[in-house]
Amino acid sequence: MIKKMNQKEAIIKLKELLKPNDTIYCILTKLSNSGCYRHINFYKFYNGKSNLVTNKYWLSFLISIALKLPLKEKTNSVGIGGGGMDMGFHIVYELSHLLFKDGYKLNHEWL
């Protein structure tokens, strides 16, 4: 069971986990037939990407609360609508702006 958390608590936790120039990794878990809605999971890896199973921290839950986006139950991913742009970049940019007042303080990479 996932603990209930408010936006302020999520932002505090994300500030503890993320520092400027960190990379957030994005994994597309579902795409709608129209291509205009996505489920994306977000992770931070520790000690590099050498072991993708044990060295990761799942950020999707905290990001969904901090940015007031839905966490999709079937995929445990952040749901986001829109097309014609990199929605992983968009979410990481918005998160970076929220945490550090600069949208370019965090990096993103797709896996």
Foldseek 3Di string as FASTA:
>chain_A
DDDDDAQVRLLVVVLVVDDFAFEKEKEWDDADPVRFKTFIWIWGFDPDCPDVPPGIDTSQVSLCRNVVFDQDPVRSGTMDGGDDDDVQLVSQLVSCCSNPVGSNRYHYHYD
